[in-house]
């Protein structure tokens, strides 16, 4: 559980609402890390750009990317 509450869609900016909808379409819900970074629009833009670039990169196959994400999350103790 986060120490601060995320930005709800009703209080989000237009760009943030668009990103929330894309996230909803992809994952079935708006993920908590996205609502946390929505407090700082410049950080949120960088976060979204990084995730987009990571998803679109083709140098490493998707299966290996997923394994790397799981390994890093395990090392850091992250529940995501």
N, C-alpha and C. Protein backbone atom coordinates (compact mmCIF):
# COMPACT_ATOMS: atom_id res chain seq x y z
N UNK A 1 0.83 -1.18 0.00
CA UNK A 1 0.00 0.00 0.00
C UNK A 1 0.88 1.25 0.00
N UNK A 2 0.50 2.21 -0.77
CA UNK A 2 1.28 3.44 -0.92
C UNK A 2 1.04 4.38 0.26
N UNK A 3 2.04 5.22 0.54
CA UNK A 3 1.90 6.20 1.62
C UNK A 3 1.01 7.36 1.23
N UNK A 4 0.96 7.66 -0.05
CA UNK A 4 0.09 8.73 -0.52
C UNK A 4 -0.95 8.13 -1.46
N UNK A 5 -2.04 8.83 -1.59
CA UNK A 5 -3.07 8.32 -2.50
C UNK A 5 -2.75 8.81 -3.92
N UNK A 6 -3.10 8.00 -4.89
CA UNK A 6 -2.87 8.35 -6.28
C UNK A 6 -3.83 9.43 -6.75
N UNK A 7 -3.57 9.96 -7.91
CA UNK A 7 -4.43 10.98 -8.50
C UNK A 7 -5.66 10.29 -9.11
N UNK A 8 -6.86 10.58 -8.60
CA UNK A 8 -8.05 9.96 -9.19
C UNK A 8 -8.33 10.55 -10.57
N UNK A 9 -9.05 9.81 -11.38
CA UNK A 9 -9.32 10.26 -12.76
C UNK A 9 -10.10 11.58 -12.77
N UNK A 10 -10.93 11.79 -11.78
CA UNK A 10 -11.73 13.01 -11.74
C UNK A 10 -10.87 14.27 -11.55
N UNK A 11 -9.70 14.13 -10.92
CA UNK A 11 -8.81 15.27 -10.69
C UNK A 11 -7.61 15.30 -11.62
N UNK A 12 -7.54 14.35 -12.52
CA UNK A 12 -6.39 14.25 -13.41
C UNK A 12 -6.50 15.21 -14.59
N UNK A 13 -5.35 15.56 -15.15
CA UNK A 13 -5.33 16.41 -16.34
C UNK A 13 -5.80 15.61 -17.55
N UNK A 14 -6.00 16.29 -18.65
CA UNK A 14 -6.47 15.63 -19.87
C UNK A 14 -5.47 14.57 -20.34
N UNK A 15 -4.20 14.90 -20.36
CA UNK A 15 -3.18 13.94 -20.78
C UNK A 15 -3.15 12.73 -19.85
N UNK A 16 -3.26 12.98 -18.56
CA UNK A 16 -3.26 11.88 -17.58
C UNK A 16 -4.47 10.99 -17.77
N UNK A 17 -5.62 11.57 -18.06
CA UNK A 17 -6.82 10.76 -18.30
C UNK A 17 -6.65 9.87 -19.53
N UNK A 18 -6.01 10.41 -20.56
CA UNK A 18 -5.76 9.61 -21.76
C UNK A 18 -4.86 8.43 -21.43
N UNK A 19 -3.81 8.69 -20.66
CA UNK A 19 -2.89 7.62 -20.26
C UNK A 19 -3.61 6.60 -19.38
N UNK A 20 -4.46 7.06 -18.48
CA UNK A 20 -5.26 6.15 -17.64
C UNK A 20 -6.12 5.23 -18.52
N UNK A 21 -6.74 5.80 -19.54
CA UNK A 21 -7.60 4.99 -20.42
C UNK A 21 -6.78 3.93 -21.18
N UNK A 22 -5.60 4.33 -21.66
CA UNK A 22 -4.74 3.37 -22.34
C UNK A 22 -4.30 2.25 -21.40
N UNK A 23 -3.99 2.62 -20.18
CA UNK A 23 -3.61 1.63 -19.18
C UNK A 23 -4.78 0.71 -18.85
N UNK A 24 -5.96 1.29 -18.74
CA UNK A 24 -7.18 0.51 -18.47
C UNK A 24 -7.41 -0.51 -19.59
N UNK A 25 -7.22 -0.08 -20.81
CA UNK A 25 -7.42 -0.96 -21.96
C UNK A 25 -6.39 -2.10 -21.97
N UNK A 26 -5.16 -1.78 -21.60
CA UNK A 26 -4.10 -2.79 -21.68
C UNK A 26 -4.12 -3.77 -20.50
N UNK A 27 -4.31 -3.26 -19.28
CA UNK A 27 -4.20 -4.10 -18.09
C UNK A 27 -5.54 -4.42 -17.42
N UNK A 28 -6.61 -3.77 -17.87
CA UNK A 28 -7.91 -4.00 -17.26
C UNK A 28 -8.16 -3.10 -16.06
N UNK A 29 -7.17 -2.35 -15.63
CA UNK A 29 -7.31 -1.40 -14.53
C UNK A 29 -6.16 -0.40 -14.62
N UNK A 30 -6.28 0.67 -13.89
CA UNK A 30 -5.20 1.66 -13.84
C UNK A 30 -4.24 1.21 -12.74
N UNK A 31 -2.99 0.98 -13.09
CA UNK A 31 -2.02 0.47 -12.11
C UNK A 31 -1.60 1.58 -11.15
N UNK A 32 -1.32 1.18 -9.92
CA UNK A 32 -1.01 2.13 -8.86
C UNK A 32 0.23 2.99 -9.13
N UNK A 33 1.33 2.43 -9.66
CA UNK A 33 2.49 3.30 -9.91
C UNK A 33 2.18 4.46 -10.85
N UNK A 34 1.29 4.23 -11.79
CA UNK A 34 0.92 5.31 -12.71
C UNK A 34 0.17 6.42 -11.99
N UNK A 35 -0.70 6.05 -11.07
CA UNK A 35 -1.44 7.08 -10.33
C UNK A 35 -0.53 7.86 -9.39
N UNK A 36 0.56 7.23 -8.95
CA UNK A 36 1.51 7.92 -8.07
C UNK A 36 2.32 8.96 -8.85
N UNK A 37 2.83 8.57 -10.01
CA UNK A 37 3.65 9.52 -10.77
C UNK A 37 2.80 10.61 -11.40
N UNK A 38 1.48 10.44 -11.43
CA UNK A 38 0.60 11.46 -12.00
C UNK A 38 0.61 12.74 -11.16
N UNK A 39 1.14 12.68 -9.94
CA UNK A 39 1.26 13.89 -9.12
C UNK A 39 2.25 14.87 -9.73
N UNK A 40 3.22 14.36 -10.48
CA UNK A 40 4.25 15.18 -11.10
C UNK A 40 4.22 14.96 -12.61
N UNK A 41 3.60 15.84 -13.36
CA UNK A 41 3.41 15.64 -14.79
C UNK A 41 4.70 15.40 -15.59
N UNK A 42 5.78 16.06 -15.25
CA UNK A 42 7.02 15.87 -16.01
C UNK A 42 7.59 14.47 -15.77
N UNK A 43 7.51 14.00 -14.54
CA UNK A 43 7.97 12.64 -14.25
C UNK A 43 7.06 11.64 -14.93
N UNK A 44 5.76 11.90 -14.91
CA UNK A 44 4.79 11.00 -15.54
C UNK A 44 5.07 10.88 -17.04
N UNK A 45 5.37 11.99 -17.70
CA UNK A 45 5.68 11.95 -19.13
C UNK A 45 6.91 11.10 -19.40
N UNK A 46 7.93 11.25 -18.57
CA UNK A 46 9.14 10.43 -18.73
C UNK A 46 8.87 8.96 -18.48
N UNK A 47 8.06 8.67 -17.46
CA UNK A 47 7.70 7.29 -17.12
C UNK A 47 6.95 6.64 -18.28
N UNK A 48 5.98 7.36 -18.82
CA UNK A 48 5.19 6.83 -19.93
C UNK A 48 6.06 6.66 -21.17
N UNK A 49 6.93 7.62 -21.45
CA UNK A 49 7.83 7.51 -22.61
C UNK A 49 8.76 6.31 -22.47
N UNK A 50 9.28 6.09 -21.27
CA UNK A 50 10.15 4.93 -21.03
C UNK A 50 9.40 3.62 -21.26
N UNK A 51 8.21 3.50 -20.69
CA UNK A 51 7.42 2.28 -20.84
C UNK A 51 7.05 2.03 -22.31
N UNK A 52 6.70 3.09 -23.01
CA UNK A 52 6.36 2.97 -24.43
C UNK A 52 7.56 2.49 -25.23
N UNK A 53 8.72 3.09 -24.98
CA UNK A 53 9.94 2.71 -25.71
C UNK A 53 10.34 1.28 -25.38
N UNK A 54 10.20 0.89 -24.13
CA UNK A 54 10.54 -0.48 -23.73
C UNK A 54 9.63 -1.49 -24.42
N UNK A 55 8.35 -1.18 -24.50
CA UNK A 55 7.41 -2.08 -25.16
C UNK A 55 7.66 -2.19 -26.66
N UNK A 56 8.07 -1.10 -27.28
CA UNK A 56 8.26 -1.09 -28.73
C UNK A 56 9.64 -1.56 -29.18
N UNK A 57 10.57 -1.70 -28.26
CA UNK A 57 11.91 -2.14 -28.66
C UNK A 57 11.87 -3.59 -29.10
N UNK A 58 12.67 -3.90 -30.10
CA UNK A 58 12.66 -5.26 -30.67
C UNK A 58 14.03 -5.92 -30.63
N UNK A 59 15.00 -5.33 -29.95
CA UNK A 59 16.33 -5.94 -29.89
C UNK A 59 16.34 -7.18 -29.01
N UNK A 60 15.47 -7.20 -28.01
CA UNK A 60 15.37 -8.34 -27.11
C UNK A 60 13.95 -8.86 -27.21
N UNK A 61 13.79 -10.17 -27.23
CA UNK A 61 12.45 -10.73 -27.37
C UNK A 61 11.63 -10.48 -26.10
N UNK A 62 10.32 -10.45 -26.27
CA UNK A 62 9.40 -10.12 -25.18
C UNK A 62 9.53 -11.06 -23.99
N UNK A 63 9.77 -12.32 -24.25
CA UNK A 63 9.89 -13.30 -23.17
C UNK A 63 11.08 -12.96 -22.27
N UNK A 64 12.19 -12.57 -22.84
CA UNK A 64 13.37 -12.22 -22.07
C UNK A 64 13.14 -10.93 -21.28
N UNK A 65 12.44 -9.96 -21.88
CA UNK A 65 12.10 -8.73 -21.16
C UNK A 65 11.25 -9.04 -19.93
N UNK A 66 10.28 -9.92 -20.10
CA UNK A 66 9.40 -10.29 -18.98
C UNK A 66 10.19 -10.98 -17.87
N UNK A 67 11.10 -11.87 -18.24
CA UNK A 67 11.94 -12.53 -17.24
C UNK A 67 12.83 -11.54 -16.49
N UNK A 68 13.37 -10.57 -17.21
CA UNK A 68 14.21 -9.55 -16.57
C UNK A 68 13.38 -8.70 -15.60
N UNK A 69 12.15 -8.35 -15.98
CA UNK A 69 11.28 -7.58 -15.09
C UNK A 69 10.99 -8.35 -13.81
N UNK A 70 10.71 -9.64 -13.94
CA UNK A 70 10.41 -10.47 -12.77
C UNK A 70 11.65 -10.57 -11.87
N UNK A 71 12.81 -10.76 -12.46
CA UNK A 71 14.05 -10.86 -11.67
C UNK A 71 14.32 -9.58 -10.90
N UNK A 72 14.19 -8.43 -11.56
CA UNK A 72 14.44 -7.15 -10.90
C UNK A 72 13.42 -6.91 -9.79
N UNK A 73 12.15 -7.20 -10.05
CA UNK A 73 11.12 -7.03 -9.03
C UNK A 73 11.39 -7.93 -7.83
N UNK A 74 11.87 -9.14 -8.07
CA UNK A 74 12.20 -10.06 -6.99
C UNK A 74 13.39 -9.52 -6.17
N UNK A 75 14.39 -9.02 -6.85
CA UNK A 75 15.57 -8.48 -6.16
C UNK A 75 15.23 -7.27 -5.32
N UNK A 76 14.30 -6.44 -5.80
CA UNK A 76 13.93 -5.23 -5.07
C UNK A 76 12.82 -5.44 -4.07
N UNK A 77 12.14 -6.59 -4.14
CA UNK A 77 11.02 -6.85 -3.24
C UNK A 77 9.78 -6.10 -3.65
N UNK A 78 9.65 -5.82 -4.93
CA UNK A 78 8.51 -5.06 -5.46
C UNK A 78 7.35 -6.00 -5.74
N UNK A 79 6.14 -5.68 -5.28
CA UNK A 79 5.00 -6.57 -5.53
C UNK A 79 4.44 -6.47 -6.92
N UNK A 80 4.92 -5.56 -7.76
CA UNK A 80 4.37 -5.40 -9.11
C UNK A 80 5.03 -6.38 -10.02
